[in-house]
Amino acid sequence: MPERPTTNARLALVLDEFLTLAEAHERAEVARYRRLAFSFLPFDTAVSRLMASLGIQCEMRVEELRRLSRQLDLSEPHAIQPSQATVPPPFFIDTPFLAFETLTQAVNDAETSLRFHKHLREASTVPALYPALTSVIKQKQAEQAVLEGFLASRNEFAQMEQRA
């Protein structure tokens, strides 16, 4: 069966779908980092500030995706909101062990987010998305490296406290 050529309408739909997926993912990341910033606030303000700043970076990526959508004359990506049942309630970190476990999960989540964006870039056949997704991937790699470094420094601090 011969393949039909891809129409401009189909490319616009695919592009719109990719931007919607990317924005929905980054919105979820904003919510996650805000929740973490709030959770660490009474225990460790440095971690809380780090999580807040990572959330701000996610907000900037959401705005960049919206700008790209306008630049390509697409409609604004439709915000996909997670249901209230899937969003865990905020909790407060109150022990070094819980802080370490939560930071470890944050590193794992950052790695998952990085993989998501890499897969999105690999799946895209639209050249206009490649530079934007490459930029997001570089930012996500830096985000993961910062979290890993922060976790390593906190782990060393926890080990010194245990020895004392």
N, C-alpha and C. Protein backbone atom coordinates (compact mmCIF):
# COMPACT_ATOMS: atom_id res chain seq x y z
N MET A 1 0.85 -1.17 0.00
CA MET A 1 0.00 0.00 0.00
C MET A 1 0.91 1.24 0.00
N PRO A 2 0.72 2.15 -0.92
CA PRO A 2 1.57 3.35 -0.98
C PRO A 2 1.26 4.28 0.18
N GLU A 3 2.32 4.92 0.66
CA GLU A 3 2.16 5.89 1.75
C GLU A 3 1.66 7.20 1.20
N ARG A 4 0.78 7.84 1.96
CA ARG A 4 0.32 9.16 1.56
C ARG A 4 1.30 10.19 2.11
N PRO A 5 1.56 11.24 1.38
CA PRO A 5 2.46 12.27 1.88
C PRO A 5 1.85 12.95 3.11
N THR A 6 2.71 13.37 4.02
CA THR A 6 2.27 14.05 5.22
C THR A 6 1.81 15.45 4.85
N THR A 7 0.65 15.80 5.30
CA THR A 7 0.12 17.12 4.99
C THR A 7 0.56 18.12 6.05
N ASN A 8 0.46 19.39 5.70
CA ASN A 8 0.78 20.45 6.66
C ASN A 8 -0.11 20.38 7.89
N ALA A 9 -1.37 20.02 7.68
CA ALA A 9 -2.30 19.92 8.81
C ALA A 9 -1.85 18.83 9.77
N ARG A 10 -1.39 17.70 9.24
CA ARG A 10 -0.92 16.60 10.10
C ARG A 10 0.35 17.00 10.85
N LEU A 11 1.27 17.70 10.17
CA LEU A 11 2.48 18.16 10.85
C LEU A 11 2.14 19.13 11.97
N ALA A 12 1.16 20.00 11.74
CA ALA A 12 0.74 20.95 12.77
C ALA A 12 0.14 20.20 13.96
N LEU A 13 -0.64 19.17 13.68
CA LEU A 13 -1.24 18.39 14.75
C LEU A 13 -0.17 17.67 15.56
N VAL A 14 0.78 17.06 14.87
CA VAL A 14 1.86 16.37 15.57
C VAL A 14 2.66 17.37 16.41
N LEU A 15 2.97 18.50 15.83
CA LEU A 15 3.72 19.53 16.54
C LEU A 15 2.94 20.01 17.76
N ASP A 16 1.66 20.24 17.59
CA ASP A 16 0.80 20.66 18.69
C ASP A 16 0.77 19.60 19.79
N GLU A 17 0.69 18.33 19.40
CA GLU A 17 0.67 17.24 20.38
C GLU A 17 1.98 17.18 21.16
N PHE A 18 3.09 17.33 20.46
CA PHE A 18 4.40 17.29 21.13
C PHE A 18 4.53 18.44 22.12
N LEU A 19 4.14 19.63 21.71
CA LEU A 19 4.23 20.78 22.61
C LEU A 19 3.30 20.63 23.81
N THR A 20 2.14 20.06 23.58
CA THR A 20 1.21 19.82 24.69
C THR A 20 1.79 18.82 25.67
N LEU A 21 2.37 17.74 25.17
CA LEU A 21 3.00 16.75 26.04
C LEU A 21 4.15 17.37 26.85
N ALA A 22 4.99 18.13 26.17
CA ALA A 22 6.13 18.75 26.85
C ALA A 22 5.66 19.74 27.91
N GLU A 23 4.64 20.54 27.59
CA GLU A 23 4.16 21.51 28.57
C GLU A 23 3.50 20.81 29.76
N ALA A 24 2.71 19.79 29.50
CA ALA A 24 2.06 19.06 30.59
C ALA A 24 3.10 18.45 31.53
N HIS A 25 4.15 17.92 30.94
CA HIS A 25 5.22 17.32 31.76
C HIS A 25 5.89 18.40 32.63
N GLU A 26 6.20 19.54 32.04
CA GLU A 26 6.86 20.60 32.80
C GLU A 26 5.95 21.19 33.86
N ARG A 27 4.67 21.26 33.59
CA ARG A 27 3.72 21.73 34.62
C ARG A 27 3.70 20.76 35.81
N ALA A 28 3.77 19.48 35.53
CA ALA A 28 3.83 18.49 36.60
C ALA A 28 5.12 18.64 37.39
N GLU A 29 6.21 18.96 36.70
CA GLU A 29 7.50 19.19 37.36
C GLU A 29 7.43 20.43 38.26
N VAL A 30 6.77 21.47 37.80
CA VAL A 30 6.59 22.68 38.62
C VAL A 30 5.89 22.30 39.92
N ALA A 31 4.80 21.56 39.79
CA ALA A 31 4.04 21.16 40.98
C ALA A 31 4.89 20.30 41.92
N ARG A 32 5.67 19.39 41.35
CA ARG A 32 6.51 18.52 42.17
C ARG A 32 7.56 19.33 42.93
N TYR A 33 8.23 20.24 42.24
CA TYR A 33 9.26 21.04 42.91
C TYR A 33 8.67 22.00 43.93
N ARG A 34 7.50 22.53 43.67
CA ARG A 34 6.85 23.39 44.67
C ARG A 34 6.51 22.59 45.93
N ARG A 35 6.00 21.37 45.71
CA ARG A 35 5.66 20.51 46.85
C ARG A 35 6.92 20.17 47.65
N LEU A 36 8.01 19.88 46.96
CA LEU A 36 9.27 19.59 47.65
C LEU A 36 9.80 20.81 48.39
N ALA A 37 9.71 21.97 47.78
CA ALA A 37 10.18 23.20 48.44
C ALA A 37 9.39 23.42 49.73
N PHE A 38 8.11 23.21 49.67
CA PHE A 38 7.26 23.37 50.85
C PHE A 38 7.59 22.32 51.91
N SER A 39 7.83 21.09 51.47
CA SER A 39 8.11 20.00 52.40
C SER A 39 9.41 20.20 53.17
N PHE A 40 10.42 20.74 52.50
CA PHE A 40 11.72 20.94 53.14
C PHE A 40 11.81 22.23 53.95
N LEU A 41 10.86 23.12 53.79
CA LEU A 41 10.94 24.43 54.43
C LEU A 41 11.22 24.39 55.93
N PRO A 42 10.52 23.58 56.73
CA PRO A 42 10.81 23.59 58.17
C PRO A 42 12.08 22.83 58.57
N PHE A 43 12.61 22.00 57.66
CA PHE A 43 13.75 21.15 58.00
C PHE A 43 15.07 21.72 57.50
N ASP A 44 15.09 22.17 56.24
CA ASP A 44 16.34 22.63 55.63
C ASP A 44 16.00 23.68 54.57
N THR A 45 16.20 24.94 54.91
CA THR A 45 15.82 26.01 53.99
C THR A 45 16.69 26.02 52.73
N ALA A 46 17.92 25.52 52.81
CA ALA A 46 18.77 25.47 51.62
C ALA A 46 18.17 24.53 50.58
N VAL A 47 17.71 23.37 51.01
CA VAL A 47 17.08 22.43 50.09
C VAL A 47 15.78 23.03 49.57
N SER A 48 15.03 23.68 50.44
CA SER A 48 13.78 24.31 50.04
C SER A 48 14.02 25.35 48.95
N ARG A 49 15.06 26.16 49.11
CA ARG A 49 15.38 27.18 48.11
C ARG A 49 15.82 26.53 46.79
N LEU A 50 16.58 25.45 46.88
CA LEU A 50 17.00 24.74 45.67
C LEU A 50 15.77 24.23 44.92
N MET A 51 14.86 23.59 45.62
CA MET A 51 13.66 23.05 44.97
C MET A 51 12.82 24.17 44.37
N ALA A 52 12.72 25.28 45.08
CA ALA A 52 11.96 26.42 44.56
C ALA A 52 12.61 26.95 43.28
N SER A 53 13.93 27.04 43.27
CA SER A 53 14.60 27.55 42.07
C SER A 53 14.47 26.58 40.90
N LEU A 54 14.48 25.28 41.17
CA LEU A 54 14.27 24.29 40.09
C LEU A 54 12.85 24.40 39.56
N GLY A 55 11.90 24.68 40.44
CA GLY A 55 10.52 24.90 40.00
C GLY A 55 10.41 26.13 39.11
N ILE A 56 11.14 27.18 39.45
CA ILE A 56 11.14 28.39 38.62
C ILE A 56 11.71 28.08 37.24
N GLN A 57 12.75 27.26 37.20
CA GLN A 57 13.32 26.87 35.90
C GLN A 57 12.28 26.13 35.06
N CYS A 58 11.48 25.28 35.69
CA CYS A 58 10.42 24.57 34.98
C CYS A 58 9.38 25.55 34.46
N GLU A 59 9.03 26.56 35.27
CA GLU A 59 8.08 27.58 34.82
C GLU A 59 8.62 28.31 33.60
N MET A 60 9.90 28.58 33.58
CA MET A 60 10.52 29.26 32.44
C MET A 60 10.44 28.38 31.19
N ARG A 61 10.60 27.07 31.36
CA ARG A 61 10.48 26.17 30.21
C ARG A 61 9.04 26.13 29.69
N VAL A 62 8.07 26.17 30.60
CA VAL A 62 6.66 26.22 30.17
C VAL A 62 6.43 27.47 29.32
N GLU A 63 6.94 28.59 29.79
CA GLU A 63 6.79 29.84 29.02
C GLU A 63 7.50 29.75 27.67
N GLU A 64 8.66 29.12 27.63
CA GLU A 64 9.39 28.96 26.38
C GLU A 64 8.61 28.07 25.41
N LEU A 65 7.97 27.03 25.91
CA LEU A 65 7.15 26.17 25.05
C LEU A 65 5.95 26.94 24.51
N ARG A 66 5.37 27.79 25.33
CA ARG A 66 4.26 28.63 24.87
C ARG A 66 4.73 29.62 23.80
N ARG A 67 5.91 30.19 24.00
CA ARG A 67 6.46 31.13 23.02
C ARG A 67 6.71 30.42 21.69
N LEU A 68 7.25 29.21 21.76
CA LEU A 68 7.50 28.43 20.56
C LEU A 68 6.18 28.12 19.84
N SER A 69 5.17 27.81 20.60
CA SER A 69 3.86 27.53 20.02
C SER A 69 3.32 28.76 19.28
N ARG A 70 3.45 29.93 19.89
CA ARG A 70 3.00 31.16 19.23
C ARG A 70 3.85 31.45 17.99
N GLN A 71 5.14 31.22 18.10
CA GLN A 71 6.06 31.47 16.99
C GLN A 71 5.71 30.60 15.78
N LEU A 72 5.27 29.38 16.05
CA LEU A 72 4.92 28.46 14.97
C LEU A 72 3.45 28.57 14.56
N ASP A 73 2.77 29.61 15.06
CA ASP A 73 1.36 29.87 14.75
C ASP A 73 0.45 28.71 15.11
N LEU A 74 0.73 28.09 16.24
CA LEU A 74 -0.13 27.03 16.74
C LEU A 74 -0.97 27.59 17.87
N SER A 75 -2.00 26.90 18.20
CA SER A 75 -2.78 27.31 19.36
C SER A 75 -1.95 27.06 20.61
N GLU A 76 -2.29 27.73 21.69
CA GLU A 76 -1.60 27.49 22.95
C GLU A 76 -1.76 26.02 23.31
N PRO A 77 -0.69 25.39 23.79
CA PRO A 77 -0.84 23.99 24.21
C PRO A 77 -1.92 23.87 25.29
N HIS A 78 -2.72 22.86 25.15
CA HIS A 78 -3.81 22.66 26.11
C HIS A 78 -3.22 22.13 27.40
N ALA A 79 -3.49 22.83 28.48
CA ALA A 79 -2.95 22.42 29.78
C ALA A 79 -3.65 21.15 30.24
N ILE A 80 -2.89 20.12 30.45
CA ILE A 80 -3.41 18.87 31.00
C ILE A 80 -3.15 18.92 32.49
N GLN A 81 -4.20 18.96 33.26
CA GLN A 81 -4.06 19.05 34.70
C GLN A 81 -4.17 17.66 35.32
N PRO A 82 -3.23 17.32 36.20
CA PRO A 82 -3.36 16.01 36.86
C PRO A 82 -4.56 16.02 37.79
N SER A 83 -5.19 14.87 37.92
CA SER A 83 -6.34 14.79 38.81
C SER A 83 -5.88 14.90 40.26
N GLN A 84 -6.74 15.35 41.10
CA GLN A 84 -6.40 15.53 42.51
C GLN A 84 -6.03 14.20 43.17
N ALA A 85 -6.55 13.10 42.64
CA ALA A 85 -6.26 11.79 43.23
C ALA A 85 -4.80 11.40 43.01
N THR A 86 -4.16 11.89 41.94
CA THR A 86 -2.80 11.48 41.65
C THR A 86 -1.76 12.40 42.29
N VAL A 87 -2.18 13.54 42.81
CA VAL A 87 -1.24 14.49 43.41
C VAL A 87 -1.16 14.19 44.90
N PRO A 88 0.02 13.74 45.36
CA PRO A 88 0.12 13.45 46.79
C PRO A 88 0.08 14.73 47.61
N PRO A 89 -0.48 14.65 48.80
CA PRO A 89 -0.52 15.85 49.64
C PRO A 89 0.88 16.22 50.10
N PRO A 90 1.09 17.51 50.38
CA PRO A 90 2.41 17.90 50.87
C PRO A 90 2.65 17.31 52.26
N PHE A 91 3.91 17.08 52.57
CA PHE A 91 4.29 16.57 53.88
C PHE A 91 5.51 17.33 54.32
N PHE A 92 5.80 17.29 55.59
CA PHE A 92 6.97 17.98 56.09
C PHE A 92 8.09 16.99 56.36
N ILE A 93 9.28 17.33 55.94
CA ILE A 93 10.47 16.53 56.22
C ILE A 93 10.87 16.85 57.65
N ASP A 94 11.07 15.80 58.45
CA ASP A 94 11.42 16.07 59.85
C ASP A 94 12.60 15.24 60.38
N THR A 95 13.18 14.40 59.52
CA THR A 95 14.34 13.62 59.95
C THR A 95 15.38 13.61 58.83
N PRO A 96 16.64 13.45 59.19
CA PRO A 96 17.68 13.35 58.14
C PRO A 96 17.45 12.17 57.20
N PHE A 97 16.95 11.05 57.74
CA PHE A 97 16.69 9.89 56.89
C PHE A 97 15.62 10.20 55.84
N LEU A 98 14.53 10.82 56.28
CA LEU A 98 13.45 11.18 55.36
C LEU A 98 13.95 12.20 54.34
N ALA A 99 14.80 13.11 54.76
CA ALA A 99 15.36 14.10 53.85
C ALA A 99 16.20 13.41 52.78
N PHE A 100 17.04 12.47 53.21
CA PHE A 100 17.88 11.74 52.26
C PHE A 100 17.03 10.93 51.29
N GLU A 101 16.04 10.24 51.78
CA GLU A 101 15.15 9.45 50.92
C GLU A 101 14.41 10.34 49.92
N THR A 102 13.94 11.48 50.37
CA THR A 102 13.20 12.39 49.50
C THR A 102 14.12 13.00 48.45
N LEU A 103 15.33 13.36 48.84
CA LEU A 103 16.30 13.88 47.87
C LEU A 103 16.69 12.81 46.86
N THR A 104 16.83 11.57 47.31
CA THR A 104 17.14 10.47 46.40
C THR A 104 16.01 10.30 45.38
N GLN A 105 14.78 10.39 45.84
CA GLN A 105 13.64 10.29 44.92
C GLN A 105 13.62 11.47 43.96
N ALA A 106 14.00 12.64 44.43
CA ALA A 106 14.05 13.82 43.55
C ALA A 106 15.07 13.62 42.43
N VAL A 107 16.21 13.01 42.76
CA VAL A 107 17.22 12.71 41.74
C VAL A 107 16.66 11.70 40.73
N ASN A 108 15.98 10.68 41.22
CA ASN A 108 15.38 9.68 40.34
C ASN A 108 14.32 10.31 39.43
N ASP A 109 13.51 11.19 40.00
CA ASP A 109 12.49 11.87 39.21
C ASP A 109 13.11 12.78 38.15
N ALA A 110 14.21 13.43 38.49
CA ALA A 110 14.91 14.29 37.52
C ALA A 110 15.46 13.44 36.37
N GLU A 111 15.96 12.26 36.69
CA GLU A 111 16.46 11.35 35.65
C GLU A 111 15.31 10.90 34.74
N THR A 112 14.17 10.60 35.32
CA THR A 112 13.00 10.21 34.55
C THR A 112 12.56 11.34 33.62
N SER A 113 12.57 12.55 34.14
CA SER A 113 12.19 13.71 33.34
C SER A 113 13.16 13.91 32.18
N LEU A 114 14.43 13.73 32.44
CA LEU A 114 15.45 13.84 31.38
C LEU A 114 15.19 12.80 30.30
N ARG A 115 14.94 11.56 30.70
CA ARG A 115 14.65 10.50 29.73
C ARG A 115 13.40 10.81 28.92
N PHE A 116 12.38 11.37 29.58
CA PHE A 116 11.14 11.74 28.88
C PHE A 116 11.44 12.71 27.74
N HIS A 117 12.21 13.74 28.04
CA HIS A 117 12.52 14.74 27.02
C HIS A 117 13.42 14.18 25.93
N LYS A 118 14.32 13.28 26.28
CA LYS A 118 15.15 12.64 25.25
C LYS A 118 14.28 11.80 24.32
N HIS A 119 13.34 11.05 24.88
CA HIS A 119 12.43 10.24 24.06
C HIS A 119 11.55 11.13 23.19
N LEU A 120 11.11 12.23 23.74
CA LEU A 120 10.28 13.15 22.98
C LEU A 120 11.05 13.69 21.78
N ARG A 121 12.31 14.06 22.00
CA ARG A 121 13.13 14.57 20.90
C ARG A 121 13.37 13.48 19.85
N GLU A 122 13.65 12.26 20.31
CA GLU A 122 13.88 11.16 19.37
C GLU A 122 12.64 10.82 18.55
N ALA A 123 11.47 10.96 19.17
CA ALA A 123 10.22 10.62 18.49
C ALA A 123 9.77 11.71 17.53
N SER A 124 10.26 12.91 17.72
CA SER A 124 9.83 14.03 16.88
C SER A 124 10.47 13.96 15.50
N THR A 125 9.62 14.13 14.51
CA THR A 125 10.12 14.22 13.13
C THR A 125 10.01 15.65 12.62
N VAL A 126 9.68 16.56 13.52
CA VAL A 126 9.50 17.96 13.15
C VAL A 126 10.78 18.72 13.48
N PRO A 127 11.49 19.17 12.47
CA PRO A 127 12.78 19.85 12.71
C PRO A 127 12.68 21.09 13.60
N ALA A 128 11.54 21.76 13.60
CA ALA A 128 11.38 22.98 14.40
C ALA A 128 11.46 22.70 15.90
N LEU A 129 11.18 21.47 16.30
CA LEU A 129 11.21 21.13 17.73
C LEU A 129 12.61 20.78 18.22
N TYR A 130 13.48 20.37 17.34
CA TYR A 130 14.79 19.86 17.75
C TYR A 130 15.59 20.85 18.60
N PRO A 131 15.75 22.11 18.18
CA PRO A 131 16.54 23.04 19.01
C PRO A 131 15.92 23.27 20.39
N ALA A 132 14.60 23.41 20.45
CA ALA A 132 13.95 23.65 21.74
C ALA A 132 14.10 22.44 22.66
N LEU A 133 13.90 21.24 22.12
CA LEU A 133 14.02 20.04 22.95
C LEU A 133 15.47 19.79 23.35
N THR A 134 16.41 20.12 22.49
CA THR A 134 17.82 19.98 22.84
C THR A 134 18.17 20.92 24.00
N SER A 135 17.64 22.13 23.96
CA SER A 135 17.87 23.09 25.04
C SER A 135 17.27 22.58 26.35
N VAL A 136 16.07 22.04 26.29
CA VAL A 136 15.43 21.48 27.49
C VAL A 136 16.27 20.32 28.03
N ILE A 137 16.76 19.48 27.15
CA ILE A 137 17.57 18.33 27.58
C ILE A 137 18.84 18.81 28.29
N LYS A 138 19.49 19.82 27.75
CA LYS A 138 20.69 20.35 28.42
C LYS A 138 20.35 20.91 29.80
N GLN A 139 19.23 21.59 29.91
CA GLN A 139 18.81 22.12 31.21
C GLN A 139 18.48 20.99 32.18
N LYS A 140 17.83 19.95 31.67
CA LYS A 140 17.49 18.80 32.52
C LYS A 140 18.74 18.05 32.98
N GLN A 141 19.75 17.98 32.12
CA GLN A 141 21.01 17.35 32.52
C GLN A 141 21.66 18.16 33.63
N ALA A 142 21.63 19.47 33.52
CA ALA A 142 22.20 20.33 34.56
C ALA A 142 21.40 20.19 35.85
N GLU A 143 20.09 20.13 35.73
CA GLU A 143 19.22 19.96 36.89
C GLU A 143 19.55 18.66 37.63
N GLN A 144 19.70 17.58 36.89
CA GLN A 144 20.02 16.30 37.50
C GLN A 144 21.39 16.36 38.16
N ALA A 145 22.37 16.97 37.51
CA ALA A 145 23.72 17.07 38.08
C ALA A 145 23.71 17.88 39.37
N VAL A 146 22.95 18.95 39.40
CA VAL A 146 22.85 19.77 40.63
C VAL A 146 22.24 18.96 41.76
N LEU A 147 21.16 18.26 41.45
CA LEU A 147 20.51 17.44 42.48
C LEU A 147 21.43 16.32 42.98
N GLU A 148 22.14 15.68 42.06
CA GLU A 148 23.06 14.62 42.47
C GLU A 148 24.18 15.18 43.35
N GLY A 149 24.72 16.33 42.97
CA GLY A 149 25.76 16.96 43.78
C GLY A 149 25.25 17.36 45.15
N PHE A 150 24.04 17.89 45.19
CA PHE A 150 23.45 18.29 46.45
C PHE A 150 23.20 17.07 47.33
N LEU A 151 22.71 16.01 46.74
CA LEU A 151 22.48 14.77 47.49
C LEU A 151 23.78 14.22 48.03
N ALA A 152 24.82 14.23 47.22
CA ALA A 152 26.13 13.73 47.67
C ALA A 152 26.66 14.57 48.82
N SER A 153 26.51 15.88 48.75
CA SER A 153 27.00 16.73 49.84
C SER A 153 26.18 16.52 51.11
N ARG A 154 24.89 16.31 50.97
CA ARG A 154 24.05 16.05 52.15
C ARG A 154 24.33 14.69 52.74
N ASN A 155 24.66 13.73 51.89
CA ASN A 155 24.97 12.39 52.36
C ASN A 155 26.26 12.40 53.17
N GLU A 156 27.27 13.16 52.69
CA GLU A 156 28.52 13.28 53.44
C GLU A 156 28.28 13.96 54.79
N PHE A 157 27.41 14.97 54.80
CA PHE A 157 27.08 15.66 56.04
C PHE A 157 26.39 14.71 57.02
N ALA A 158 25.47 13.89 56.51
CA ALA A 158 24.74 12.94 57.36
C ALA A 158 25.69 11.89 57.94
N GLN A 159 26.66 11.45 57.12
CA GLN A 159 27.62 10.46 57.59
C GLN A 159 28.51 11.06 58.69
N MET A 160 28.90 12.33 58.55
CA MET A 160 29.71 12.97 59.59
C MET A 160 28.92 13.12 60.89
N GLU A 161 27.61 13.41 60.76
CA GLU A 161 26.77 13.53 61.97
C GLU A 161 26.66 12.19 62.68
N GLN A 162 26.56 11.10 61.92
CA GLN A 162 26.42 9.77 62.51
C GLN A 162 27.69 9.36 63.24
N ARG A 163 28.85 9.77 62.74
CA ARG A 163 30.13 9.43 63.36
C ARG A 163 30.32 10.20 64.66
N ALA A 164 29.78 11.38 64.74
CA ALA A 164 29.99 12.24 65.92
C ALA A 164 29.21 11.78 67.12
